[in-house]
Amino acid sequence: MTTSTDLTSASRCRCGHDKRDPLVRSEYRYGGWGGLMLGLFGNPTPERIDYVCTTCGETVGSVTDRETLSRFRLREPLPQER
């Protein structure tokens, strides 16, 4: 498993898919409080985002950087502030 905070990383699974391939989906992981907040309010910041190949199930990459994860609070990357 490759862990990366770079969204443009070129790591591939054994099938040859990378993060930008349509067969790779993002899985948002929330902690215990994050799951509760998701149920109550619908927009917590995820603890981790894994990019998983739908063909082989291998994790292509992950995002664990808090600053990057805060941009994915609404499940879409928010523009960076300058």
Protein backbone atom coordinates (compact mmCIF):
# COMPACT_ATOMS: atom_id res chain seq x y z
CA MET A 1 0.00 0.00 0.00
CA THR A 2 1.30 3.43 -0.93
CA THR A 3 0.52 6.36 1.32
CA SER A 4 0.68 9.80 -0.23
CA THR A 5 -0.67 13.23 0.47
CA ASP A 6 -0.03 14.35 -3.11
CA LEU A 7 -3.25 14.18 -5.14
CA THR A 8 -1.31 13.87 -8.41
CA SER A 9 0.86 10.93 -7.36
CA ALA A 10 1.39 8.40 -10.14
CA SER A 11 1.24 5.15 -8.10
CA ARG A 12 -0.70 2.33 -9.73
CA CYS A 13 -2.40 -0.86 -8.60
CA ARG A 14 -1.59 -4.30 -10.00
CA CYS A 15 -4.25 -3.75 -12.72
CA GLY A 16 -2.47 -0.58 -13.87
CA HIS A 17 -5.04 1.96 -12.66
CA ASP A 18 -4.00 5.22 -10.97
CA LYS A 19 -5.98 7.77 -8.90
CA ARG A 20 -7.35 9.53 -11.97
CA ASP A 21 -8.74 6.36 -13.57
CA PRO A 22 -12.57 6.09 -13.57
CA LEU A 23 -12.28 2.60 -12.04
CA VAL A 24 -10.65 4.01 -8.89
CA ARG A 25 -13.06 5.37 -6.28
CA SER A 26 -12.37 7.46 -3.20
CA GLU A 27 -13.41 6.08 0.17
CA TYR A 28 -13.83 8.62 2.95
CA ARG A 29 -12.91 7.34 6.42
CA TYR A 30 -14.31 8.99 9.54
CA GLY A 31 -13.49 8.39 13.19
CA GLY A 32 -16.09 7.68 15.85
CA TRP A 33 -17.03 11.33 16.38
CA GLY A 34 -16.85 11.99 12.65
CA GLY A 35 -19.40 9.22 12.01
CA LEU A 36 -21.70 10.73 14.61
CA MET A 37 -21.29 14.21 13.10
CA LEU A 38 -21.96 12.76 9.62
CA GLY A 39 -25.23 11.31 10.89
CA LEU A 40 -26.31 14.47 12.66
CA PHE A 41 -25.04 17.29 10.48
CA GLY A 42 -23.77 15.70 7.27
CA ASN A 43 -20.43 17.49 6.75
CA PRO A 44 -17.52 16.50 9.05
CA THR A 45 -13.92 16.51 7.89
CA PRO A 46 -12.74 12.96 7.06
CA GLU A 47 -9.77 11.47 8.94
CA ARG A 48 -8.46 9.77 5.80
CA ILE A 49 -9.29 9.37 2.12
CA ASP A 50 -8.27 6.11 0.42
CA TYR A 51 -8.23 5.66 -3.35
CA VAL A 52 -9.29 2.06 -4.05
CA CYS A 53 -9.34 0.18 -7.38
CA THR A 54 -12.79 -1.29 -8.04
CA THR A 55 -11.29 -4.14 -10.07
CA CYS A 56 -8.67 -5.60 -7.71
CA GLY A 57 -9.54 -3.83 -4.43
CA GLU A 58 -5.99 -2.54 -3.94
CA THR A 59 -5.44 0.87 -2.35
CA VAL A 60 -3.71 3.11 -4.87
CA GLY A 61 -3.04 5.98 -2.46
CA SER A 62 -4.24 7.79 0.62
CA VAL A 63 -4.57 11.34 1.87
CA THR A 64 -3.94 11.88 5.59
CA ASP A 65 -2.70 15.48 5.71
CA ARG A 66 -5.14 17.52 7.85
CA GLU A 67 -4.82 20.66 5.71
CA THR A 68 -5.64 18.73 2.53
CA LEU A 69 -8.47 16.80 4.23
CA SER A 70 -10.11 20.03 5.40
CA ARG A 71 -10.61 20.95 1.73
CA PHE A 72 -12.68 17.74 1.29
CA ARG A 73 -15.14 18.53 4.08
CA LEU A 74 -18.07 18.72 1.66
CA ARG A 75 -16.82 15.72 -0.40
CA GLU A 76 -15.49 18.02 -3.10
CA PRO A 77 -12.10 19.68 -3.10
CA LEU A 78 -12.54 23.30 -2.11
CA PRO A 79 -10.32 25.91 -3.76
CA GLN A 80 -7.17 26.72 -1.81
CA GLU A 81 -7.01 30.09 -0.15
CA ARG A 82 -4.16 32.29 -1.28
